[in-house]
Protein backbone atom coordinates (compact mmCIF):
# COMPACT_ATOMS: atom_id res chain seq x y z
CA MET A 1 11.71 5.54 29.11
CA LYS A 2 12.36 2.73 31.44
CA PRO A 3 14.46 -0.12 29.41
CA THR A 4 12.25 -3.28 28.92
CA ASN A 5 13.69 -6.71 28.65
CA VAL A 6 12.11 -9.17 26.80
CA LEU A 7 13.11 -13.09 26.89
CA VAL A 8 11.54 -15.38 24.45
CA SER A 9 12.08 -18.95 25.45
CA GLU A 10 13.08 -21.66 22.84
CA GLY A 11 10.26 -23.59 21.66
CA GLU A 12 7.75 -20.56 22.85
CA PHE A 13 4.85 -19.69 20.33
CA PHE A 14 5.74 -15.48 21.33
CA VAL A 15 3.18 -12.92 20.24
CA ILE A 16 3.58 -9.25 19.99
CA LEU A 17 0.17 -7.57 19.79
CA GLY A 18 -0.90 -3.97 19.35
CA PRO A 19 -2.31 -1.32 17.12
CA SER A 20 -1.63 -0.52 13.30
CA GLY A 21 1.20 1.70 13.19
CA CYS A 22 2.89 0.95 16.42
CA GLY A 23 6.33 -0.18 15.35
CA LYS A 24 5.06 -4.33 15.80
CA THR A 25 6.85 -5.17 12.33
CA THR A 26 10.14 -2.24 13.12
CA LEU A 27 10.76 -4.43 15.95
CA LEU A 28 10.37 -8.10 13.75
CA ARG A 29 12.57 -6.78 11.49
CA ILE A 30 15.28 -5.81 13.86
CA ILE A 31 14.95 -9.49 15.38
CA ALA A 32 15.68 -10.23 11.74
CA GLY A 33 18.62 -8.25 10.95
CA LEU A 34 16.66 -5.90 8.32
CA GLU A 35 17.39 -3.20 10.58
CA SER A 36 19.28 -1.86 13.45
CA PRO A 37 18.20 -0.52 16.78
CA SER A 38 18.28 3.33 17.37
CA GLN A 39 18.33 2.05 21.42
CA GLY A 40 19.45 -1.31 23.25
CA ARG A 41 20.05 -4.54 21.73
CA VAL A 42 18.38 -7.79 20.47
CA SER A 43 20.38 -11.17 20.69
CA LEU A 44 19.83 -15.06 19.80
CA ASN A 45 21.65 -17.87 21.97
CA GLY A 46 23.80 -14.55 23.83
CA LYS A 47 25.01 -13.37 19.99
CA GLU A 48 23.81 -10.14 19.40
CA ILE A 49 21.94 -9.91 15.92
CA LYS A 50 23.57 -7.43 13.24
CA SER A 51 22.79 -9.20 10.18
CA PRO A 52 20.35 -11.18 8.42
CA SER A 53 21.02 -14.79 9.16
CA ARG A 54 19.84 -18.36 8.40
CA GLU A 55 19.34 -18.83 12.23
CA ARG A 56 16.06 -16.25 11.71
CA GLY A 57 13.31 -16.87 9.06
CA MET A 58 10.66 -14.47 8.16
CA VAL A 59 7.71 -14.59 6.86
CA PHE A 60 5.71 -11.14 5.42
CA GLN A 61 2.34 -10.27 5.23
CA SER A 62 2.62 -9.94 1.60
CA PHE A 63 2.87 -12.37 -0.52
CA THR A 64 6.93 -12.94 -1.99
CA SER A 65 6.71 -15.74 -4.15
CA PHE A 66 9.14 -15.27 -7.36
CA PRO A 67 6.21 -15.32 -10.03
CA TRP A 68 8.98 -16.89 -12.85
CA LEU A 69 9.11 -20.20 -10.82
CA ASN A 70 6.94 -22.55 -9.72
CA VAL A 71 6.08 -23.82 -6.68
CA GLU A 72 9.13 -26.70 -6.28
CA ASP A 73 11.55 -24.06 -7.01
CA ASN A 74 10.78 -21.18 -4.80
CA ILE A 75 10.25 -23.30 -2.25
CA SER A 76 14.12 -24.46 -2.67
CA PHE A 77 15.34 -20.89 -3.63
CA GLY A 78 17.25 -20.59 -0.52
CA LEU A 79 18.70 -23.70 -0.57
CA LYS A 80 20.35 -23.38 -4.53
CA ILE A 81 21.61 -20.18 -3.42
CA ASN A 82 23.43 -21.37 -0.30
CA LYS A 83 24.64 -24.71 -2.70
CA ALA A 84 23.88 -27.03 0.22
CA ASP A 85 23.56 -30.98 -0.64
CA GLY A 86 21.49 -31.64 -3.85
CA LYS A 87 20.09 -34.82 -2.44
CA ARG A 88 19.67 -34.34 0.71
CA ASP A 89 18.28 -30.52 0.02
CA GLN A 90 15.45 -32.38 -2.48
CA GLU A 91 14.08 -34.66 0.21
CA ARG A 92 13.79 -31.64 2.27
CA VAL A 93 11.92 -29.30 0.06
CA SER A 94 9.54 -32.83 -0.45
CA HIS A 95 9.05 -32.83 3.31
CA TYR A 96 8.16 -29.45 3.81
CA ILE A 97 5.80 -29.44 0.86
CA ALA A 98 4.01 -32.28 2.49
CA LEU A 99 4.16 -30.82 5.90
CA VAL A 100 2.43 -27.28 4.38
CA GLY A 101 -0.06 -29.34 2.29
CA LEU A 102 1.46 -28.45 -1.22
CA GLN A 103 1.83 -32.01 -2.64
CA GLY A 104 0.19 -32.25 -6.35
CA PHE A 105 0.92 -28.54 -6.71
CA GLU A 106 4.56 -28.52 -7.04
CA LYS A 107 4.70 -27.44 -10.91
CA TYR A 108 2.17 -24.62 -10.57
CA TYR A 109 3.26 -21.16 -10.84
CA PRO A 110 2.17 -18.72 -8.19
CA LYS A 111 -0.34 -17.03 -10.39
CA ASP A 112 -2.28 -20.05 -10.20
CA LEU A 113 -2.35 -20.08 -6.98
CA SER A 114 -4.56 -19.02 -4.26
CA GLY A 115 -3.59 -16.17 -1.60
CA GLY A 116 -3.80 -18.88 1.53
CA MET A 117 -1.34 -21.75 -0.94
CA LYS A 118 0.87 -18.36 -1.98
CA GLN A 119 1.48 -18.19 1.87
CA ARG A 120 1.84 -22.01 2.25
CA VAL A 121 4.83 -21.77 -0.19
CA ALA A 122 6.69 -18.95 1.91
CA ILE A 123 6.23 -21.13 4.63
CA ALA A 124 7.71 -23.96 3.50
CA ARG A 125 10.64 -21.83 1.73
CA THR A 126 11.15 -20.21 5.28
CA LEU A 127 11.34 -23.50 6.84
CA THR A 128 13.11 -25.75 4.33
CA ASN A 129 16.54 -23.44 5.34
CA GLU A 130 15.79 -24.97 9.01
CA PRO A 131 15.59 -21.85 11.07
CA GLU A 132 15.74 -21.30 14.86
CA LEU A 133 13.59 -18.98 15.46
CA LEU A 134 10.55 -18.03 12.94
CA LEU A 135 9.31 -14.99 12.21
CA MET A 136 5.75 -14.20 11.07
CA ASP A 137 4.57 -10.60 10.23
CA GLU A 138 0.79 -10.63 9.95
CA PRO A 139 1.02 -13.46 7.39
CA PHE A 140 -2.81 -14.00 7.33
CA GLY A 141 -3.97 -10.14 7.06
CA ALA A 142 -4.91 -10.24 3.48
CA LEU A 143 -6.64 -13.78 3.64
CA ASP A 144 -10.44 -13.94 3.80
CA ALA A 145 -11.43 -15.47 7.28
CA GLN A 146 -11.83 -19.16 6.34
CA THR A 147 -8.54 -19.35 4.93
CA ARG A 148 -6.68 -17.72 7.79
CA TRP A 149 -8.10 -20.30 9.96
CA GLN A 150 -6.92 -23.31 8.08
CA MET A 151 -3.33 -21.08 7.98
CA GLN A 152 -3.55 -20.54 11.79
CA ASP A 153 -4.13 -24.36 12.28
CA LEU A 154 -1.21 -24.85 9.79
CA ILE A 155 1.25 -22.78 11.87
CA LEU A 156 0.42 -24.35 14.97
CA LYS A 157 1.22 -28.03 13.11
CA VAL A 158 4.39 -26.69 11.85
CA ARG A 159 5.50 -25.10 15.17
CA THR A 160 4.65 -28.52 17.15
CA GLU A 161 6.62 -31.12 14.37
CA GLN A 162 9.27 -28.69 14.06
CA LYS A 163 9.74 -27.97 17.55
CA MET A 164 10.03 -24.04 16.92
CA THR A 165 10.17 -21.04 17.97
CA VAL A 166 8.34 -18.20 16.74
CA VAL A 167 7.92 -14.73 17.23
CA TYR A 168 4.38 -13.45 15.69
CA VAL A 169 3.07 -9.96 14.91
CA THR A 170 -0.79 -9.49 14.90
CA HIS A 171 -3.20 -6.88 15.97
CA ASP A 172 -5.89 -9.44 15.78
CA VAL A 173 -6.67 -10.22 19.66
CA GLU A 174 -8.51 -13.22 18.84
CA GLU A 175 -5.64 -14.56 16.61
CA ALA A 176 -3.49 -13.38 19.24
CA VAL A 177 -5.07 -15.43 22.07
CA TYR A 178 -5.27 -18.97 19.62
CA LEU A 179 -1.77 -19.27 18.89
CA GLY A 180 0.26 -17.38 21.59
CA ASP A 181 2.31 -19.18 24.66
CA ARG A 182 2.39 -15.56 25.70
CA ILE A 183 1.09 -12.68 24.33
CA SER A 184 3.12 -8.55 24.77
CA VAL A 185 0.49 -5.84 24.10
CA PHE A 186 2.14 -2.96 22.96
CA SER A 187 0.38 1.04 22.78
CA PRO A 188 -0.53 2.69 20.19
CA ARG A 189 2.76 4.64 18.82
CA PRO A 190 5.50 5.21 19.89
CA ALA A 191 4.82 1.89 21.15
CA ARG A 192 5.68 0.77 24.48
CA LEU A 193 5.18 -2.61 26.38
CA ILE A 194 2.11 -2.15 28.35
CA LYS A 195 1.53 -5.89 30.00
CA GLU A 196 1.96 -9.39 29.02
CA PHE A 197 -0.58 -12.46 29.45
CA ILE A 198 0.17 -16.05 29.35
CA VAL A 199 -2.53 -18.22 27.62
CA PRO A 200 -3.16 -21.44 29.14
CA PHE A 201 -4.45 -23.62 26.64
CA GLY A 202 -1.65 -25.98 25.98
CA LYS A 203 0.26 -26.10 22.87
CA GLU A 204 -2.03 -28.75 20.84
CA ARG A 205 -4.95 -26.33 20.65
CA THR A 206 -8.28 -26.83 17.98
CA HIS A 207 -10.99 -23.83 16.78
CA GLU A 208 -13.02 -25.56 19.39
CA VAL A 209 -10.80 -23.61 22.32
CA LYS A 210 -12.33 -20.37 20.97
CA ASN A 211 -16.00 -21.27 22.26
CA ARG A 212 -14.30 -21.65 25.74
CA THR A 213 -15.25 -19.05 28.76
CA GLU A 214 -11.64 -18.85 29.47
CA PHE A 215 -11.02 -17.89 25.97
CA PHE A 216 -13.77 -15.31 25.79
CA THR A 217 -12.60 -13.70 29.29
CA LEU A 218 -8.85 -13.55 28.34
CA GLN A 219 -9.46 -11.67 24.89
CA ASN A 220 -11.90 -9.50 26.53
CA ASP A 221 -9.11 -8.50 29.19
CA ILE A 222 -6.65 -7.55 26.53
CA MET A 223 -9.51 -5.69 24.19
CA LYS A 224 -9.99 -3.41 27.66
CA LEU A 225 -6.06 -3.29 28.27
CA ILE A 226 -5.94 -1.50 24.35
CA HIS A 227 -8.82 0.80 24.82
CA LYS A 228 -7.34 1.51 27.76
CA GLY A 229 -4.02 1.97 26.08
CA SER A 230 -5.13 3.92 23.14
CA ALA A 231 -6.94 6.44 25.22
CA ALA A 232 -3.91 6.94 27.70
């Protein structure tokens, strides 16, 4: 198989789109340093990735809050492990609690939260470590449609305010087009890069963009490519 080089630019929202089981999560785990590639290499700022690092934060599909810790303690968990500056850490935790809209829920436990709120906790906990690269593995896949839309807007807000680079995995074409600056479409397993699409809607978006002809056209072009790749 011909080698494929993929470069993600600083500040880009890069979406990996493909069918379930094609290897999207495995690729994301390799970028996170949780798994090693059998071939090729992955690097960040020219340095090869060989293990996990605070430079790369990952949000998983499943809710990953510690049930015995409240919201505030869940979000500050990583900072306490790293024994950073206590006062500055508290200010940072408060900032990210506000950013993801969890003010007033600081003392709540995961059992008392909705699925969307649990993912807000996971996002805030990851952001509190201030990673250079945010990795997201179908983070809204288990949510209902309304909550999913709210969470999509949240991550766009976070991306804009934090000027963060995001690599986002999904199999939802509409979500990919709404969130991404660039979409890399993968074939069914064994995954190969079929084609990349540039999304022409700018960085600040609302759900109104989904009613535009350009949105439907791009979404349909991607769907046709995926169906063609599945049949190949």
